[in-house]
Structure formats: C-alpha cells, structure tokens
N, C-alpha and C. Protein backbone atom coordinates (compact mmCIF):
# COMPACT_ATOMS: atom_id res chain seq x y z
N SER A 1 67.97 -137.91 48.31
CA SER A 1 67.94 -137.05 47.14
C SER A 1 69.06 -137.42 46.19
N ASP A 2 68.94 -137.00 44.95
CA ASP A 2 69.96 -137.28 43.93
C ASP A 2 71.31 -136.69 44.31
N MET A 3 71.30 -135.47 44.88
CA MET A 3 72.54 -134.80 45.23
C MET A 3 73.29 -135.59 46.31
N ILE A 4 72.58 -136.01 47.32
CA ILE A 4 73.22 -136.76 48.41
C ILE A 4 73.74 -138.10 47.90
N LYS A 5 72.98 -138.75 47.04
CA LYS A 5 73.41 -140.03 46.47
C LYS A 5 74.71 -139.85 45.68
N LYS A 6 74.79 -138.80 44.87
CA LYS A 6 76.01 -138.56 44.07
C LYS A 6 77.20 -138.24 44.95
N LEU A 7 77.00 -137.47 46.01
CA LEU A 7 78.10 -137.15 46.92
C LEU A 7 78.58 -138.39 47.65
N LYS A 8 77.67 -139.26 48.04
CA LYS A 8 78.06 -140.51 48.70
C LYS A 8 78.84 -141.41 47.75
N GLU A 9 78.46 -141.42 46.47
CA GLU A 9 79.19 -142.22 45.48
C GLU A 9 80.63 -141.74 45.34
N LYS A 10 80.86 -140.44 45.55
CA LYS A 10 82.21 -139.87 45.48
C LYS A 10 82.94 -139.98 46.81
N GLU A 11 82.34 -140.74 47.74
CA GLU A 11 82.90 -141.02 49.06
C GLU A 11 83.01 -139.78 49.93
N LEU A 12 82.13 -138.82 49.71
CA LEU A 12 82.00 -137.68 50.61
C LEU A 12 80.90 -138.03 51.60
N ILE A 13 81.18 -137.91 52.86
CA ILE A 13 80.19 -138.27 53.87
C ILE A 13 79.17 -137.14 53.96
N VAL A 14 77.95 -137.46 53.63
CA VAL A 14 76.89 -136.45 53.61
C VAL A 14 75.68 -136.99 54.35
N VAL A 15 75.13 -136.17 55.21
CA VAL A 15 73.92 -136.50 55.94
C VAL A 15 72.86 -135.49 55.54
N GLU A 16 71.66 -135.97 55.20
CA GLU A 16 70.60 -135.06 54.76
C GLU A 16 70.36 -133.95 55.76
N GLY A 17 70.47 -134.25 57.04
CA GLY A 17 70.21 -133.25 58.07
C GLY A 17 71.19 -132.09 58.07
N THR A 18 72.36 -132.28 57.43
CA THR A 18 73.33 -131.18 57.34
C THR A 18 73.36 -130.55 55.96
N MET A 19 72.99 -131.30 54.94
CA MET A 19 73.06 -130.79 53.57
C MET A 19 72.10 -129.62 53.34
N TYR A 20 70.85 -129.79 53.73
CA TYR A 20 69.86 -128.76 53.42
C TYR A 20 70.06 -127.48 54.22
N PRO A 21 70.45 -127.54 55.50
CA PRO A 21 70.79 -126.28 56.18
C PRO A 21 71.97 -125.57 55.52
N LEU A 22 72.95 -126.34 55.04
CA LEU A 22 74.09 -125.73 54.34
C LEU A 22 73.64 -125.05 53.05
N LEU A 23 72.81 -125.73 52.27
CA LEU A 23 72.30 -125.13 51.03
C LEU A 23 71.52 -123.85 51.35
N ASN A 24 70.73 -123.89 52.40
CA ASN A 24 69.94 -122.72 52.79
C ASN A 24 70.85 -121.56 53.20
N ARG A 25 71.91 -121.86 53.93
CA ARG A 25 72.86 -120.81 54.34
C ARG A 25 73.54 -120.20 53.11
N LEU A 26 73.94 -121.04 52.16
CA LEU A 26 74.57 -120.54 50.94
C LEU A 26 73.59 -119.68 50.13
N LYS A 27 72.32 -120.06 50.13
CA LYS A 27 71.29 -119.27 49.45
C LYS A 27 71.12 -117.92 50.15
N ASN A 28 71.06 -117.94 51.48
CA ASN A 28 70.90 -116.70 52.24
C ASN A 28 72.08 -115.76 52.05
N ASP A 29 73.27 -116.32 51.82
CA ASP A 29 74.46 -115.51 51.56
C ASP A 29 74.59 -115.12 50.09
N GLU A 30 73.58 -115.47 49.30
CA GLU A 30 73.51 -115.16 47.86
C GLU A 30 74.62 -115.82 47.06
N LEU A 31 75.11 -116.96 47.55
CA LEU A 31 76.10 -117.74 46.82
C LEU A 31 75.44 -118.78 45.94
N LEU A 32 74.21 -119.15 46.30
CA LEU A 32 73.39 -120.07 45.51
C LEU A 32 72.03 -119.44 45.28
N GLY A 33 71.40 -119.86 44.20
CA GLY A 33 70.01 -119.55 43.94
C GLY A 33 69.30 -120.85 43.64
N TYR A 34 68.00 -120.78 43.42
CA TYR A 34 67.29 -122.01 43.06
C TYR A 34 66.07 -121.69 42.21
N ASN A 35 65.64 -122.70 41.48
CA ASN A 35 64.41 -122.65 40.69
C ASN A 35 63.59 -123.88 41.00
N TRP A 36 62.28 -123.73 40.94
CA TRP A 36 61.38 -124.88 41.07
C TRP A 36 61.05 -125.37 39.67
N LYS A 37 61.08 -126.68 39.47
CA LYS A 37 60.72 -127.26 38.18
C LYS A 37 59.75 -128.40 38.42
N GLU A 38 58.77 -128.50 37.54
CA GLU A 38 57.79 -129.59 37.63
C GLU A 38 58.49 -130.92 37.42
N SER A 39 58.01 -131.93 38.09
CA SER A 39 58.56 -133.27 37.97
C SER A 39 57.47 -134.21 37.48
N SER A 40 57.82 -135.09 36.56
CA SER A 40 56.84 -136.06 36.06
C SER A 40 56.62 -137.19 37.07
N SER A 41 57.48 -137.27 38.08
CA SER A 41 57.38 -138.37 39.04
C SER A 41 57.07 -137.89 40.45
N GLY A 42 56.29 -136.83 40.58
CA GLY A 42 55.93 -136.37 41.91
C GLY A 42 55.84 -134.85 41.99
N PRO A 43 56.06 -134.32 43.18
CA PRO A 43 55.94 -132.87 43.37
C PRO A 43 57.06 -132.11 42.66
N PRO A 44 56.90 -130.80 42.52
CA PRO A 44 57.97 -130.00 41.90
C PRO A 44 59.28 -130.18 42.67
N ARG A 45 60.38 -130.01 41.94
CA ARG A 45 61.71 -130.18 42.54
C ARG A 45 62.44 -128.85 42.55
N LYS A 46 63.27 -128.67 43.55
CA LYS A 46 64.08 -127.46 43.67
C LYS A 46 65.45 -127.75 43.07
N TYR A 47 65.87 -126.92 42.11
CA TYR A 47 67.18 -127.05 41.48
C TYR A 47 68.03 -125.85 41.85
N TYR A 48 69.19 -126.12 42.44
CA TYR A 48 70.10 -125.07 42.87
C TYR A 48 71.08 -124.72 41.76
N PHE A 49 71.52 -123.46 41.76
CA PHE A 49 72.55 -123.02 40.83
C PHE A 49 73.47 -122.04 41.55
N ILE A 50 74.70 -121.96 41.07
CA ILE A 50 75.66 -121.05 41.67
C ILE A 50 75.49 -119.66 41.06
N THR A 51 75.51 -118.64 41.90
CA THR A 51 75.34 -117.26 41.44
C THR A 51 76.71 -116.69 41.06
N GLU A 52 76.71 -115.50 40.49
CA GLU A 52 77.99 -114.84 40.16
C GLU A 52 78.80 -114.61 41.44
N LYS A 53 78.13 -114.18 42.49
CA LYS A 53 78.81 -113.99 43.78
C LYS A 53 79.38 -115.32 44.26
N GLY A 54 78.64 -116.40 44.05
CA GLY A 54 79.11 -117.73 44.43
C GLY A 54 80.32 -118.16 43.63
N LYS A 55 80.33 -117.81 42.34
CA LYS A 55 81.48 -118.15 41.49
C LYS A 55 82.74 -117.43 41.96
N GLU A 56 82.60 -116.17 42.34
CA GLU A 56 83.74 -115.41 42.85
C GLU A 56 84.24 -116.01 44.17
N PHE A 57 83.30 -116.36 45.03
CA PHE A 57 83.66 -116.97 46.31
C PHE A 57 84.37 -118.31 46.08
N LEU A 58 83.89 -119.09 45.13
CA LEU A 58 84.51 -120.37 44.80
C LEU A 58 85.94 -120.17 44.30
N LYS A 59 86.16 -119.15 43.48
CA LYS A 59 87.53 -118.86 43.00
C LYS A 59 88.46 -118.58 44.18
N GLU A 60 87.97 -117.80 45.14
CA GLU A 60 88.79 -117.49 46.32
C GLU A 60 89.06 -118.75 47.14
N LEU A 61 88.05 -119.61 47.29
CA LEU A 61 88.25 -120.87 48.01
C LEU A 61 89.30 -121.74 47.31
N GLN A 62 89.24 -121.77 45.98
CA GLN A 62 90.20 -122.58 45.22
C GLN A 62 91.62 -122.05 45.39
N LYS A 63 91.77 -120.72 45.41
CA LYS A 63 93.10 -120.12 45.64
C LYS A 63 93.62 -120.51 47.02
N THR A 64 92.75 -120.39 48.02
CA THR A 64 93.14 -120.73 49.39
C THR A 64 93.52 -122.20 49.49
N TRP A 65 92.72 -123.07 48.86
CA TRP A 65 93.01 -124.51 48.88
C TRP A 65 94.35 -124.80 48.21
N ASN A 66 94.60 -124.19 47.06
CA ASN A 66 95.86 -124.43 46.35
C ASN A 66 97.05 -123.96 47.18
N ASN A 67 96.92 -122.81 47.84
CA ASN A 67 97.99 -122.33 48.71
C ASN A 67 98.25 -123.30 49.85
N LEU A 68 97.19 -123.77 50.48
CA LEU A 68 97.32 -124.73 51.58
C LEU A 68 97.97 -126.02 51.09
N LYS A 69 97.53 -126.50 49.94
CA LYS A 69 98.08 -127.73 49.36
C LYS A 69 99.58 -127.57 49.09
N ASN A 70 99.96 -126.42 48.55
CA ASN A 70 101.38 -126.18 48.25
C ASN A 70 102.22 -126.15 49.52
N VAL A 71 101.71 -125.54 50.58
CA VAL A 71 102.43 -125.50 51.85
C VAL A 71 102.60 -126.91 52.41
N VAL A 72 101.53 -127.69 52.40
CA VAL A 72 101.60 -129.06 52.92
C VAL A 72 102.57 -129.90 52.10
N GLU A 73 102.53 -129.76 50.78
CA GLU A 73 103.47 -130.51 49.93
C GLU A 73 104.90 -130.09 50.20
N SER A 74 105.13 -128.80 50.40
CA SER A 74 106.47 -128.30 50.69
C SER A 74 106.99 -128.86 52.01
N ILE A 75 106.14 -128.88 53.02
CA ILE A 75 106.54 -129.43 54.32
C ILE A 75 106.82 -130.92 54.19
N SER A 76 105.99 -131.64 53.45
CA SER A 76 106.16 -133.09 53.28
C SER A 76 107.46 -133.41 52.56
N GLU A 77 107.83 -132.59 51.59
CA GLU A 77 109.06 -132.84 50.82
C GLU A 77 110.30 -132.58 51.66
N ASN A 78 110.20 -131.74 52.66
CA ASN A 78 111.36 -131.38 53.48
C ASN A 78 111.57 -132.29 54.68
N LYS A 79 110.80 -133.35 54.80
CA LYS A 79 110.96 -134.26 55.95
C LYS A 79 112.18 -135.11 55.79
C-alpha cells in the first residue's frame, strides 16, 4: 500500500500484517476514522483520518515524548 511504502521510505520498519490491525485498533478506539473513495485504478480505497479525540491523544503523546527526550538528554549531558 502507499502508506506502507511511504513509511518504509522514512526508514520505519513496517509490516503489512501489523499495520492494518493497528489501524483497526485506532479506529475502534475512535482515534481514527475512515472514508471509502472510488479509485480510477481498481476497487474503492479506504482513506483514514485523525479524529478530534485522536488529535487530543496525539498531543498527549507528544508531551510524553518531549518529557522523555528531555530526561534522556539531561542524563546524557551529565555523563
């Protein structure tokens, strides 16, 4: 899929067998939604989008990541 190809280009290791269950879990948790769109080159395609709940969750993840990054940088500087 296009999504997996783009993630691999960014050197993120992605396996199709794990990507779609993850997307489904995020959808079930109402963090993602999706729409079906007709495709000129085959069957309809599913397009995912982030929900408002997903945006809030992402903000919290970013805060947690930044805190973790700051702690690791602080420890590294004190060596």
